[in-house]
Protein backbone atom coordinates (compact mmCIF):
# COMPACT_ATOMS: atom_id res chain seq x y z
CA MET A 1 -18.87 -3.16 -16.74
CA ALA A 2 -19.69 -1.31 -20.09
CA ALA A 3 -16.64 -0.61 -22.48
CA GLY A 4 -15.14 2.78 -22.29
CA LYS A 5 -12.36 4.64 -23.65
CA LEU A 6 -9.32 5.09 -20.87
CA ARG A 7 -6.90 8.08 -20.94
CA LYS A 8 -4.19 9.36 -18.25
CA VAL A 9 -4.65 13.23 -16.77
CA SER A 10 -1.89 14.22 -14.33
CA ARG A 11 -0.06 17.03 -12.55
CA ILE A 12 2.78 17.82 -10.44
CA TYR A 13 2.66 19.49 -7.04
CA ASN A 14 6.06 20.90 -5.22
CA ARG A 15 6.65 20.44 -2.08
CA SER A 16 4.50 23.19 -0.22
CA ALA A 17 7.35 25.74 1.53
CA SER A 18 6.28 24.64 5.30
CA GLY A 19 7.51 21.16 4.92
CA GLY A 20 4.35 19.75 6.74
CA SER A 21 0.58 18.69 5.57
CA GLN A 22 -0.80 19.49 2.53
CA SER A 23 -4.08 18.81 0.84
CA ILE A 24 -5.38 18.32 -2.52
CA ASP A 25 -8.27 18.50 -3.95
CA LEU A 26 -7.63 15.68 -6.84
CA TYR A 27 -11.29 16.13 -8.33
CA GLU A 28 -10.88 19.74 -9.15
CA ASP A 29 -7.34 20.05 -10.15
CA LEU A 30 -7.95 16.86 -12.48
CA GLY A 31 -10.91 17.90 -14.24
CA LEU A 32 -12.63 14.60 -12.61
CA ALA A 33 -16.14 15.50 -12.38
CA ASN A 34 -17.68 13.60 -15.63
CA PHE A 35 -15.41 10.40 -15.38
CA ILE A 36 -15.09 7.48 -13.58
CA LEU A 37 -11.51 6.64 -11.81
CA PHE A 38 -9.70 3.53 -12.79
CA ASN A 39 -6.32 3.37 -12.10
CA LEU A 40 -3.99 6.42 -9.91
CA THR A 41 -0.36 6.31 -9.61
CA LEU A 42 1.37 9.08 -7.18
CA ILE A 43 5.14 9.76 -8.23
CA ILE A 44 7.94 11.04 -5.86
CA ARG A 45 11.05 13.14 -7.01
CA GLY A 46 13.46 14.83 -5.07
CA THR A 47 16.99 15.09 -3.76
CA MET A 48 18.45 13.72 -0.47
CA THR A 49 21.12 15.30 1.16
CA ALA A 50 24.22 13.72 3.36
CA THR A 51 25.19 14.98 6.47
CA GLY A 52 28.72 16.21 6.30
CA GLY A 53 29.04 15.61 2.62
CA GLY A 54 29.78 11.85 3.13
CA ALA A 55 27.89 9.22 0.99
CA ILE A 56 24.38 8.05 1.41
CA SER A 57 23.90 4.53 1.00
CA GLY A 58 22.18 1.42 2.54
CA PHE A 59 18.33 2.82 1.42
CA HIS A 60 16.39 0.15 -0.31
CA ARG A 61 13.77 0.03 -2.62
CA ASP A 62 11.22 1.41 -1.20
CA ALA A 63 12.83 4.31 0.89
CA PRO A 64 12.04 7.51 -1.20
CA ALA A 65 7.61 6.98 -0.19
CA GLY A 66 9.35 7.36 3.44
CA MET A 67 10.12 11.03 2.41
CA ILE A 68 5.95 11.45 3.12
CA ASN A 69 4.68 10.32 6.36
CA ASN A 70 1.42 9.09 5.38
CA TRP A 71 -1.11 10.03 2.60
CA LYS A 72 -4.82 9.60 2.24
CA LEU A 73 -7.55 10.26 -0.59
CA ILE A 74 -11.13 10.92 0.63
CA GLY A 75 -14.23 10.86 -0.95
CA HIS A 76 -17.08 13.58 0.06
CA TYR A 77 -20.87 14.11 -1.86
CA GLU A 78 -22.32 17.02 0.40
CA PRO A 79 -26.35 16.68 -0.56
CA THR A 80 -25.97 12.81 0.84
CA GLY A 81 -22.80 12.84 3.22
CA LYS A 82 -21.24 10.39 1.73
CA ASN A 83 -17.50 10.22 3.20
CA ARG A 84 -15.48 7.50 1.66
CA THR A 85 -11.94 6.75 2.83
CA ILE A 86 -10.22 5.47 -0.16
CA PHE A 87 -6.90 4.87 1.81
CA ASP A 88 -4.79 6.25 4.50
CA MET A 89 -1.71 5.02 5.09
CA PRO A 90 2.31 4.99 4.49
CA PRO A 91 3.79 5.71 1.27
CA GLN A 92 6.13 2.61 1.67
CA GLN A 93 3.87 0.19 3.11
CA MET A 94 1.51 0.69 -0.15
CA PHE A 95 4.28 0.11 -3.06
CA TYR A 96 4.71 -3.04 -2.69
CA PRO A 97 0.99 -3.91 -3.01
CA GLY A 98 0.76 -1.58 -5.42
CA ASN A 99 3.54 -2.82 -7.97
CA PHE A 100 2.67 -6.29 -7.53
CA SER A 101 -0.92 -6.34 -8.41
CA ASN A 102 -0.04 -3.46 -11.59
CA GLY A 103 2.32 -6.54 -12.54
CA VAL A 104 5.14 -3.96 -12.91
CA PHE A 105 7.97 -3.71 -10.63
CA HIS A 106 8.97 -0.15 -10.80
CA ALA A 107 12.38 0.10 -8.93
CA LEU A 108 14.14 3.23 -7.37
CA LEU A 109 16.21 5.00 -9.93
CA ARG A 110 19.69 7.08 -8.26
CA THR A 111 22.02 8.18 -10.28
CA SER A 112 25.20 7.00 -8.01
CA SER A 113 24.21 4.71 -5.96
CA GLY A 114 25.11 6.65 -2.92
CA ALA A 115 28.52 7.48 -3.77
CA ALA A 116 27.88 11.23 -3.35
CA ALA A 117 26.69 14.08 -1.04
CA THR A 118 23.44 14.78 -2.42
CA ASP A 119 21.34 11.90 -4.46
CA PRO A 120 18.24 12.15 -7.20
CA PHE A 121 15.47 9.96 -6.58
CA ARG A 122 12.31 9.13 -8.06
CA ALA A 123 9.35 6.31 -6.28
CA THR A 124 6.37 4.97 -8.07
CA VAL A 125 3.44 3.98 -6.30
CA PRO A 126 0.69 2.64 -8.17
CA VAL A 127 -2.23 2.98 -6.28
CA PRO A 128 -3.65 -1.12 -5.33
CA LEU A 129 -7.30 -0.11 -6.17
CA ARG A 130 -8.32 -3.54 -6.72
CA ASP A 131 -6.82 -7.14 -6.41
CA PRO A 132 -6.31 -8.32 -10.60
CA ARG A 133 -7.38 -11.56 -9.19
CA PHE A 134 -10.57 -10.36 -7.84
CA LYS A 135 -13.15 -11.59 -10.30
CA ARG A 136 -15.11 -8.50 -10.26
CA ALA A 137 -11.51 -5.93 -10.46
CA GLY A 138 -13.60 -4.66 -13.95
CA SER A 139 -16.58 -3.25 -12.02
CA THR A 140 -13.41 -1.80 -9.37
CA TYR A 141 -13.53 2.03 -9.64
CA ILE A 142 -14.44 5.42 -8.03
CA ASP A 143 -17.53 6.85 -9.95
CA CYS A 144 -16.55 10.69 -9.36
CA ARG A 145 -19.87 11.93 -10.35
CA ASP A 146 -21.07 10.29 -6.75
CA PHE A 147 -18.75 12.91 -5.44
CA GLU A 148 -17.80 16.83 -5.50
CA SER A 149 -14.95 16.56 -4.12
CA LEU A 150 -11.99 13.77 -3.49
CA ASN A 151 -9.15 15.05 -1.57
CA PHE A 152 -5.65 13.83 -1.35
CA ASP A 153 -3.84 15.06 1.71
CA ILE A 154 -0.30 14.56 2.03
CA LYS A 155 1.02 14.31 5.73
CA ASN A 156 4.54 15.55 6.57
CA TRP A 157 6.61 15.94 3.90
CA ALA A 158 10.05 14.94 5.32
CA ALA A 159 12.72 12.52 5.10
CA ASP A 160 12.72 9.12 7.27
CA ALA A 161 16.68 8.78 8.19
CA ASP A 162 15.42 4.88 9.26
CA LEU A 163 15.39 3.66 5.50
CA ALA A 164 19.08 4.53 4.96
CA THR A 165 21.92 2.82 6.40
CA THR A 166 23.88 5.92 6.33
CA ASN A 167 24.24 10.25 6.35
CA LEU A 168 20.63 11.13 5.82
CA ALA A 169 19.84 14.25 6.08
CA SER A 170 17.49 15.65 4.56
CA VAL A 171 15.65 16.06 1.27
CA GLN A 172 15.24 18.92 -1.21
CA SER A 173 13.21 20.10 -3.82
CA VAL A 174 10.42 17.61 -3.80
CA GLN A 175 7.61 16.91 -5.93
CA ILE A 176 4.67 14.55 -5.97
CA GLU A 177 3.23 13.59 -10.03
CA VAL A 178 -0.25 11.91 -9.59
CA GLU A 179 -1.37 10.24 -12.57
CA ALA A 180 -5.15 9.35 -13.37
CA GLU A 181 -6.34 6.74 -15.21
CA ILE A 182 -9.79 7.70 -16.08
CA MET A 183 -12.65 6.67 -18.17
CA GLU A 184 -14.80 7.92 -21.02
CA ASN A 185 -18.16 6.85 -22.39
CA GLY A 186 -18.19 4.04 -19.66
CA PRO A 187 -20.75 2.67 -17.37
CA ALA A 188 -24.15 4.74 -16.77
CA GLN A 189 -24.10 6.30 -13.22
CA GLY A 190 -25.77 3.99 -10.89
CA ASP A 191 -25.19 1.05 -11.93
CA PRO A 192 -23.93 -1.54 -9.46
CA HIS A 193 -20.21 -1.92 -8.90
CA PHE A 194 -17.71 -1.85 -6.15
CA GLU A 195 -15.44 1.15 -4.97
CA PRO A 196 -12.31 0.88 -3.93
CA MET A 197 -10.85 0.40 -0.33
CA ILE A 198 -7.58 0.00 1.17
CA ALA A 199 -7.80 -0.77 4.53
CA TYR A 200 -4.47 -0.57 7.09
CA LYS A 201 -3.11 -1.95 10.16
CA GLU A 202 -0.17 -2.59 11.83
CA MET A 203 0.32 -4.80 14.47
CA PRO A 204 2.94 -5.56 17.04
CA LEU A 205 5.58 -8.73 16.48
CA SER A 206 7.36 -7.27 20.32
CA THR A 207 6.30 -10.58 22.57
CA THR A 208 7.25 -13.93 23.38
CA SER A 209 3.63 -15.34 22.72
CA ASN A 210 3.73 -17.93 19.70
CA LYS A 211 -0.06 -16.94 19.18
CA LEU A 212 -0.21 -13.45 19.61
CA THR A 213 -3.78 -12.06 19.48
CA ASP A 214 -3.49 -8.68 20.94
CA SER A 215 -4.49 -5.93 18.70
CA GLY A 216 -4.93 -8.25 16.30
CA GLN A 217 -8.29 -7.21 14.67
CA LEU A 218 -8.60 -6.57 11.48
CA PRO A 219 -11.29 -4.56 9.79
CA TRP A 220 -12.55 -3.39 6.54
CA ASP A 221 -15.57 -2.18 4.34
CA GLY A 222 -17.42 -4.01 2.08
CA PHE A 223 -15.43 -7.35 0.48
CA ALA A 224 -12.15 -7.50 1.24
CA THR A 225 -10.76 -9.45 -1.69
CA ALA A 226 -6.53 -9.51 -0.88
CA LEU A 227 -4.39 -9.44 2.32
CA TRP A 228 -0.68 -8.24 1.82
CA VAL A 229 1.28 -8.70 5.77
CA GLN A 230 5.14 -6.89 5.69
CA PRO A 231 7.57 -7.73 8.66
CA LEU A 232 9.66 -4.41 10.07
CA ASP A 233 12.64 -5.84 11.80
CA ASP A 234 13.22 -2.55 13.84
CA SER A 235 16.76 -3.11 14.89
CA GLY A 236 17.64 -3.19 11.29
CA ALA A 237 18.35 -0.59 8.34
CA GLY A 238 17.57 -0.53 4.84
CA ASP A 239 16.57 -3.92 3.47
CA ALA A 240 17.86 -5.53 6.44
CA GLU A 241 14.28 -3.88 8.07
CA ARG A 242 12.55 -6.32 5.26
CA VAL A 243 12.96 -9.76 6.57
CA ASN A 244 11.82 -13.36 6.11
CA GLY A 245 12.81 -14.43 10.09
CA LEU A 246 10.60 -12.44 12.09
CA LEU A 247 7.05 -13.53 11.53
CA ARG A 248 6.78 -17.89 11.40
CA THR A 249 3.61 -18.47 10.79
CA PHE A 250 0.30 -16.24 10.63
CA GLU A 251 -3.27 -17.53 10.55
CA VAL A 252 -6.40 -15.03 10.08
CA LYS A 253 -10.08 -15.83 11.62
CA GLN A 254 -13.42 -14.40 11.69
CA GLY A 255 -15.35 -15.51 14.59
CA SER A 256 -14.95 -19.67 14.32
CA ARG A 257 -14.70 -19.07 10.54
CA GLY A 258 -11.56 -19.60 9.14
CA LEU A 259 -10.07 -17.10 6.58
CA ILE A 260 -7.00 -18.15 6.07
CA ASP A 261 -5.46 -21.33 7.39
CA GLU A 262 -2.60 -21.35 9.33
CA ILE A 263 0.65 -20.84 6.74
CA GLY A 264 4.16 -20.59 7.39
CA PHE A 265 5.77 -16.65 6.03
CA ASP A 266 8.22 -18.54 3.61
CA ALA A 267 5.76 -20.97 2.04
CA ALA A 268 3.42 -18.03 1.67
CA LEU A 269 6.29 -16.21 0.57
CA ARG A 270 6.82 -17.53 -2.28
CA ALA A 271 2.83 -18.64 -3.14
CA THR A 272 3.08 -14.38 -4.03
CA TRP A 273 5.85 -15.25 -6.49
CA SER A 274 3.59 -17.77 -8.65
CA ARG A 275 0.20 -15.65 -8.21
CA TYR A 276 1.87 -11.92 -8.71
CA ASN A 277 4.40 -12.06 -10.91
CA PRO A 278 6.03 -8.26 -11.76
CA THR A 279 8.67 -7.46 -13.84
CA LEU A 280 11.31 -5.59 -14.18
CA THR A 281 13.36 -6.94 -11.16
CA THR A 282 15.93 -9.32 -10.78
CA THR A 283 16.11 -8.96 -7.23
CA GLU A 284 14.40 -11.49 -4.40
CA VAL A 285 11.47 -9.13 -2.73
CA VAL A 286 12.19 -10.11 0.78
CA GLY A 287 9.42 -9.91 3.68
CA VAL A 288 6.38 -8.87 1.56
CA VAL A 289 3.78 -11.74 1.23
CA GLY A 290 0.25 -11.19 -0.46
CA VAL A 291 -2.61 -13.50 -0.04
CA PRO A 292 -5.83 -13.46 -2.83
CA LEU A 293 -8.80 -14.36 -1.04
CA SER A 294 -11.07 -16.23 -2.73
CA PRO A 295 -14.18 -15.88 -1.82
CA PRO A 296 -13.81 -12.72 -0.43
CA TRP A 297 -13.91 -11.68 2.66
CA ASP A 298 -17.53 -10.24 3.85
CA GLY A 299 -17.28 -6.83 6.43
CA ARG A 300 -20.76 -7.64 7.32
CA ASP A 301 -19.69 -10.10 9.63
CA GLY A 302 -17.39 -8.38 11.68
CA PRO A 303 -13.84 -7.91 12.00
CA ALA A 304 -11.14 -10.40 11.31
CA ILE A 305 -8.35 -11.28 14.16
CA MET A 306 -5.17 -12.56 13.03
CA ARG A 307 -3.46 -14.27 15.03
CA ARG A 308 0.76 -13.68 14.59
CA ASP A 309 3.23 -16.64 15.49
CA THR A 310 7.04 -15.23 16.62
CA GLN A 311 8.37 -18.51 18.24
CA THR A 312 7.84 -21.59 16.11
CA ALA A 313 11.37 -22.85 14.50
CA VAL A 314 12.10 -21.22 11.23
CA VAL A 315 12.79 -23.42 8.06
CA PRO A 316 15.68 -24.27 6.84
CA GLY A 317 16.97 -21.26 4.69
CA VAL A 318 16.07 -18.64 6.67
CA THR A 319 17.45 -16.90 9.36
CA ALA A 320 15.45 -16.81 12.54
CA ILE A 321 14.96 -13.31 14.38
CA THR A 322 14.26 -12.40 18.06
CA PRO A 323 11.37 -10.28 18.41
CA ALA A 324 11.97 -6.95 20.13
CA ALA A 325 10.60 -3.64 20.93
CA GLY A 326 9.35 -2.03 17.97
CA ASP A 327 8.97 -4.98 15.52
CA THR A 328 5.55 -4.52 13.77
CA LEU A 329 3.42 -5.93 11.38
CA PHE A 330 2.36 -3.78 8.33
CA ASN A 331 -1.04 -5.03 7.11
CA THR A 332 -2.63 -3.88 4.37
CA VAL A 333 -6.26 -5.30 3.05
CA ILE A 334 -7.50 -4.63 -0.31
CA GLY A 335 -11.62 -4.19 -0.33
CA ALA A 336 -14.29 -3.66 -2.77
CA ASP A 337 -17.37 -2.38 -0.94
CA PRO A 338 -20.24 -2.95 -3.37
CA VAL A 339 -22.57 0.25 -4.56
CA ASN A 340 -25.90 0.21 -6.36
CA GLY A 341 -26.65 -3.36 -5.29
CA ALA A 342 -23.57 -5.06 -6.38
CA GLU A 343 -23.31 -7.53 -3.36
CA ARG A 344 -25.07 -9.95 -4.86
CA PHE A 345 -22.57 -10.53 -8.04
CA ILE A 346 -20.78 -11.96 -4.97
């Protein structure tokens, strides 16, 4: 990709008075019309309020992202009818892939560690527009000249009490800051490149089968460059929801072709720490696995099937968790969709 000058633009949006859904056109608000969007970071701020004056406790690192149930970014260009869903997923499931992929861990900040009836928070969620290990990562961007709107839709500003151990009642004074890193004097419009695509899929883990295939399809557009998986123990709360002993092994196949050979979750977890090395944390990141895909998976060959094993014995040092109703596997596929003939570079 031709070298260009990067600069940042940002804007802060307050929660709507109703606290419901909100739609923002970043194309207009951030003046993106003639630029390339290279990076995007979403920062949520606010104040958590406890019930009955008690202390809030048990929040895990990504909890404030649960103050927004879902967000999505959609690009549209009327003359050609082009629509691109860049992402559509819960913020807390974007938190880890975004931080790992950007190589820095943005810890949750609170002033009183849950010892007060009100507690300010900040959650920084980098959008994983590309996987850094993808050989064409530098050519993966959003050319805003190909669009006429970039709608950022926020669904339901609301507290998710399941993310706290005790006492969370509501969130107040919530705002979101959108920070975009844009490129000036970059490649010409129409140059071959890849458009970011983040696909999200939830799969059940509540079964006694040791090779779960129901609802196991992973669809995506273009080429999949990384897969992130995170099991949820629904009976837990706070950090105890994110665990290592629920999903024992997994594998992914596309037709008869193996994409990820069967691997133990604990082995994949430790491989993640060597492949992606975020800083600014001394806490072991439990229950989050990232697998870079090389060569990338070609979505034109159809969806992949992910087989999940919740029954094989866990490895020594890991506490086994029996699957139950509500247990879920969150899957995030980081993809790159070729534009203007870029598929020839794969």
